[in-house]
């Protein structure tokens, strides 16, 4: 059985709106971000708002951080190769 690498070709897509989730499994894993993935996602959320120079309001950072955490946990569940 060959290894599966979940790669989306974004060569011709502007990288600005993308957040790359650290792998939980595979040859490069586990990445240290998974020690506290929720904190890492919250930091990325803060960075996203700052980079775009937008006011996140009272819930924007928490909303984006929680969304990123849920995506990371869904796309990279424990025991997965991703």
N, C-alpha and C. Protein backbone atom coordinates (compact mmCIF):
# COMPACT_ATOMS: atom_id res chain seq x y z
N UNK A 1 0.84 -1.18 0.00
CA UNK A 1 0.00 0.00 0.00
C UNK A 1 0.89 1.24 0.00
N UNK A 2 0.62 2.15 -0.88
CA UNK A 2 1.41 3.37 -0.96
C UNK A 2 0.91 4.40 0.07
N UNK A 3 1.80 5.32 0.42
CA UNK A 3 1.42 6.36 1.38
C UNK A 3 0.50 7.37 0.72
N UNK A 4 -0.43 7.88 1.49
CA UNK A 4 -1.36 8.90 1.01
C UNK A 4 -0.91 10.25 1.56
N UNK A 5 -0.69 11.20 0.68
CA UNK A 5 -0.32 12.55 1.09
C UNK A 5 -1.46 13.49 0.71
N UNK A 6 -2.17 14.04 1.70
CA UNK A 6 -3.29 14.93 1.40
C UNK A 6 -2.77 16.31 0.99
N UNK A 7 -2.57 16.50 -0.28
CA UNK A 7 -2.00 17.75 -0.78
C UNK A 7 -2.99 18.41 -1.72
N UNK A 8 -3.21 19.67 -1.49
CA UNK A 8 -4.02 20.47 -2.40
C UNK A 8 -3.05 21.36 -3.16
N UNK A 9 -3.09 21.29 -4.47
CA UNK A 9 -2.18 22.08 -5.29
C UNK A 9 -2.66 23.52 -5.30
N UNK A 10 -1.92 24.38 -4.60
CA UNK A 10 -2.30 25.79 -4.53
C UNK A 10 -1.26 26.67 -5.21
N UNK A 11 -0.52 26.07 -6.13
CA UNK A 11 0.56 26.81 -6.79
C UNK A 11 0.07 28.10 -7.44
N UNK A 12 -1.10 28.08 -8.02
CA UNK A 12 -1.60 29.25 -8.73
C UNK A 12 -2.67 30.00 -7.94
N UNK A 13 -2.77 29.69 -6.67
CA UNK A 13 -3.75 30.35 -5.81
C UNK A 13 -3.00 31.24 -4.83
N UNK A 14 -3.51 32.44 -4.64
CA UNK A 14 -2.90 33.37 -3.71
C UNK A 14 -2.83 32.74 -2.32
N UNK A 15 -1.64 32.66 -1.74
CA UNK A 15 -1.45 32.02 -0.44
C UNK A 15 -1.97 32.88 0.71
N UNK A 16 -2.28 34.11 0.46
CA UNK A 16 -2.69 35.03 1.52
C UNK A 16 -3.85 34.53 2.37
N UNK A 17 -4.92 33.99 1.79
CA UNK A 17 -6.06 33.58 2.63
C UNK A 17 -5.94 32.18 3.25
N UNK A 18 -4.83 31.48 3.05
CA UNK A 18 -4.71 30.10 3.51
C UNK A 18 -4.06 30.00 4.87
N UNK A 19 -4.50 29.04 5.66
CA UNK A 19 -3.83 28.65 6.91
C UNK A 19 -3.44 27.19 6.73
N UNK A 20 -2.17 26.91 6.85
CA UNK A 20 -1.67 25.55 6.70
C UNK A 20 -1.69 24.88 8.06
N UNK A 21 -2.45 23.80 8.16
CA UNK A 21 -2.54 23.06 9.42
C UNK A 21 -1.32 22.15 9.57
N UNK A 22 -0.73 22.12 10.75
CA UNK A 22 0.43 21.24 10.94
C UNK A 22 0.00 19.78 10.92
N UNK A 23 0.82 18.90 10.34
CA UNK A 23 0.44 17.49 10.31
C UNK A 23 0.51 16.85 11.69
N UNK A 24 -0.40 15.94 11.93
CA UNK A 24 -0.43 15.20 13.19
C UNK A 24 0.21 13.82 13.02
N UNK A 25 0.21 13.33 11.81
CA UNK A 25 0.79 12.03 11.50
C UNK A 25 1.67 12.15 10.28
N UNK A 26 2.32 11.07 9.92
CA UNK A 26 3.17 11.07 8.74
C UNK A 26 4.63 11.30 9.08
N UNK A 27 5.46 11.44 8.06
CA UNK A 27 6.91 11.51 8.25
C UNK A 27 7.39 12.73 9.04
N UNK A 28 6.68 13.84 8.98
CA UNK A 28 7.11 15.05 9.67
C UNK A 28 6.46 15.24 11.03
N UNK A 29 5.64 14.31 11.44
CA UNK A 29 4.82 14.50 12.62
C UNK A 29 5.30 13.68 13.80
N UNK A 30 4.78 13.96 14.97
CA UNK A 30 3.84 15.05 15.23
C UNK A 30 4.58 16.37 15.38
N UNK A 31 4.00 17.41 14.86
CA UNK A 31 4.57 18.75 14.98
C UNK A 31 4.30 19.25 16.40
N UNK A 32 5.18 20.10 16.90
CA UNK A 32 5.03 20.59 18.27
C UNK A 32 3.76 21.41 18.47
N UNK A 33 3.19 21.93 17.41
CA UNK A 33 1.94 22.68 17.51
C UNK A 33 0.83 21.83 18.13
N UNK A 34 0.92 20.51 17.95
CA UNK A 34 -0.12 19.63 18.47
C UNK A 34 -0.03 19.45 19.99
N UNK A 35 1.05 19.94 20.61
CA UNK A 35 1.11 19.90 22.07
C UNK A 35 -0.03 20.71 22.68
N UNK A 36 -0.38 21.81 22.00
CA UNK A 36 -1.53 22.63 22.40
C UNK A 36 -2.13 23.25 21.15
N UNK A 37 -2.84 22.44 20.38
CA UNK A 37 -3.37 22.89 19.09
C UNK A 37 -4.36 24.04 19.25
N UNK A 38 -5.08 24.06 20.35
CA UNK A 38 -6.04 25.15 20.57
C UNK A 38 -5.32 26.49 20.71
N UNK A 39 -4.22 26.53 21.45
CA UNK A 39 -3.45 27.77 21.60
C UNK A 39 -2.84 28.18 20.27
N UNK A 40 -2.34 27.20 19.50
CA UNK A 40 -1.75 27.51 18.20
C UNK A 40 -2.80 28.11 17.27
N UNK A 41 -4.00 27.54 17.26
CA UNK A 41 -5.08 28.05 16.41
C UNK A 41 -5.50 29.44 16.85
N UNK A 42 -5.51 29.70 18.13
CA UNK A 42 -5.88 31.02 18.64
C UNK A 42 -4.84 32.06 18.18
N UNK A 43 -3.56 31.69 18.24
CA UNK A 43 -2.51 32.59 17.76
C UNK A 43 -2.66 32.88 16.28
N UNK A 44 -2.95 31.83 15.49
CA UNK A 44 -3.16 32.04 14.05
C UNK A 44 -4.35 32.97 13.81
N UNK A 45 -5.41 32.80 14.60
CA UNK A 45 -6.59 33.66 14.45
C UNK A 45 -6.23 35.13 14.73
N UNK A 46 -5.46 35.36 15.77
CA UNK A 46 -5.03 36.73 16.07
C UNK A 46 -4.22 37.28 14.91
N UNK A 47 -3.30 36.46 14.37
CA UNK A 47 -2.47 36.89 13.24
C UNK A 47 -3.31 37.22 12.01
N UNK A 48 -4.33 36.41 11.75
CA UNK A 48 -5.19 36.66 10.59
C UNK A 48 -5.87 38.02 10.68
N UNK A 49 -6.39 38.35 11.84
CA UNK A 49 -7.05 39.65 12.02
C UNK A 49 -6.03 40.78 11.91
N UNK A 50 -4.86 40.63 12.53
CA UNK A 50 -3.84 41.67 12.47
C UNK A 50 -3.33 41.88 11.05
N UNK A 51 -3.08 40.79 10.34
CA UNK A 51 -2.57 40.89 8.97
C UNK A 51 -3.52 41.65 8.06
N UNK A 52 -4.80 41.51 8.30
CA UNK A 52 -5.79 42.16 7.45
C UNK A 52 -6.20 43.53 7.96
N UNK A 53 -5.63 43.90 9.12
CA UNK A 53 -5.89 45.20 9.72
C UNK A 53 -7.39 45.45 9.90
N UNK A 54 -8.09 44.40 10.35
CA UNK A 54 -9.52 44.48 10.60
C UNK A 54 -9.79 44.36 12.09
N UNK A 55 -10.86 44.98 12.55
CA UNK A 55 -11.27 44.87 13.94
C UNK A 55 -12.06 43.58 14.11
N UNK A 56 -11.58 42.65 14.95
CA UNK A 56 -12.29 41.38 15.11
C UNK A 56 -13.55 41.49 15.97
N UNK A 57 -13.74 42.64 16.61
CA UNK A 57 -14.89 42.76 17.49
C UNK A 57 -14.69 41.91 18.73
N UNK A 58 -15.71 41.77 19.54
CA UNK A 58 -15.55 41.06 20.81
C UNK A 58 -15.37 39.54 20.67
N UNK A 59 -15.82 38.96 19.57
CA UNK A 59 -15.79 37.50 19.43
C UNK A 59 -15.02 36.98 18.23
N UNK A 60 -14.49 37.87 17.41
CA UNK A 60 -13.87 37.45 16.15
C UNK A 60 -12.69 36.52 16.31
N UNK A 61 -11.78 36.84 17.21
CA UNK A 61 -10.59 35.99 17.40
C UNK A 61 -11.00 34.63 17.93
N UNK A 62 -11.89 34.61 18.93
CA UNK A 62 -12.34 33.32 19.49
C UNK A 62 -13.08 32.49 18.45
N UNK A 63 -13.92 33.14 17.64
CA UNK A 63 -14.67 32.42 16.62
C UNK A 63 -13.73 31.78 15.60
N UNK A 64 -12.79 32.56 15.08
CA UNK A 64 -11.85 32.02 14.08
C UNK A 64 -10.95 30.97 14.71
N UNK A 65 -10.47 31.22 15.92
CA UNK A 65 -9.61 30.25 16.60
C UNK A 65 -10.31 28.92 16.83
N UNK A 66 -11.56 28.99 17.28
CA UNK A 66 -12.33 27.76 17.50
C UNK A 66 -12.60 27.04 16.18
N UNK A 67 -12.88 27.79 15.13
CA UNK A 67 -13.10 27.19 13.81
C UNK A 67 -11.84 26.48 13.32
N UNK A 68 -10.68 27.13 13.47
CA UNK A 68 -9.43 26.49 13.06
C UNK A 68 -9.15 25.23 13.88
N UNK A 69 -9.43 25.30 15.19
CA UNK A 69 -9.22 24.13 16.05
C UNK A 69 -10.09 22.96 15.60
N UNK A 70 -11.34 23.24 15.33
CA UNK A 70 -12.25 22.18 14.89
C UNK A 70 -11.83 21.60 13.54
N UNK A 71 -11.36 22.46 12.65
CA UNK A 71 -10.88 21.96 11.35
C UNK A 71 -9.65 21.08 11.55
N UNK A 72 -8.71 21.54 12.37
CA UNK A 72 -7.50 20.76 12.62
C UNK A 72 -7.85 19.39 13.20
N UNK A 73 -8.73 19.37 14.18
CA UNK A 73 -9.11 18.11 14.81
C UNK A 73 -9.89 17.20 13.86
N UNK A 74 -10.67 17.80 12.95
CA UNK A 74 -11.44 17.00 11.99
C UNK A 74 -10.56 16.46 10.86
N UNK A 75 -9.68 17.30 10.33
CA UNK A 75 -8.83 16.89 9.22
C UNK A 75 -7.67 16.01 9.68
N UNK A 76 -7.30 16.12 10.94
CA UNK A 76 -6.15 15.37 11.47
C UNK A 76 -6.55 14.67 12.79
N UNK A 77 -7.46 13.72 12.74
CA UNK A 77 -7.88 13.06 13.96
C UNK A 77 -6.76 12.20 14.56
N UNK A 78 -6.84 11.90 15.86
CA UNK A 78 -5.82 11.06 16.47
C UNK A 78 -5.69 9.72 15.74
N UNK A 79 -4.46 9.32 15.51
CA UNK A 79 -4.21 8.06 14.83
C UNK A 79 -4.24 8.16 13.31
N UNK A 80 -4.52 9.35 12.77
CA UNK A 80 -4.57 9.48 11.32
C UNK A 80 -3.16 9.62 10.76
N UNK A 81 -3.05 9.51 9.47
CA UNK A 81 -1.78 9.68 8.77
C UNK A 81 -1.62 11.09 8.25
N UNK A 82 -2.46 12.02 8.72
CA UNK A 82 -2.44 13.40 8.21
C UNK A 82 -1.96 14.35 9.27
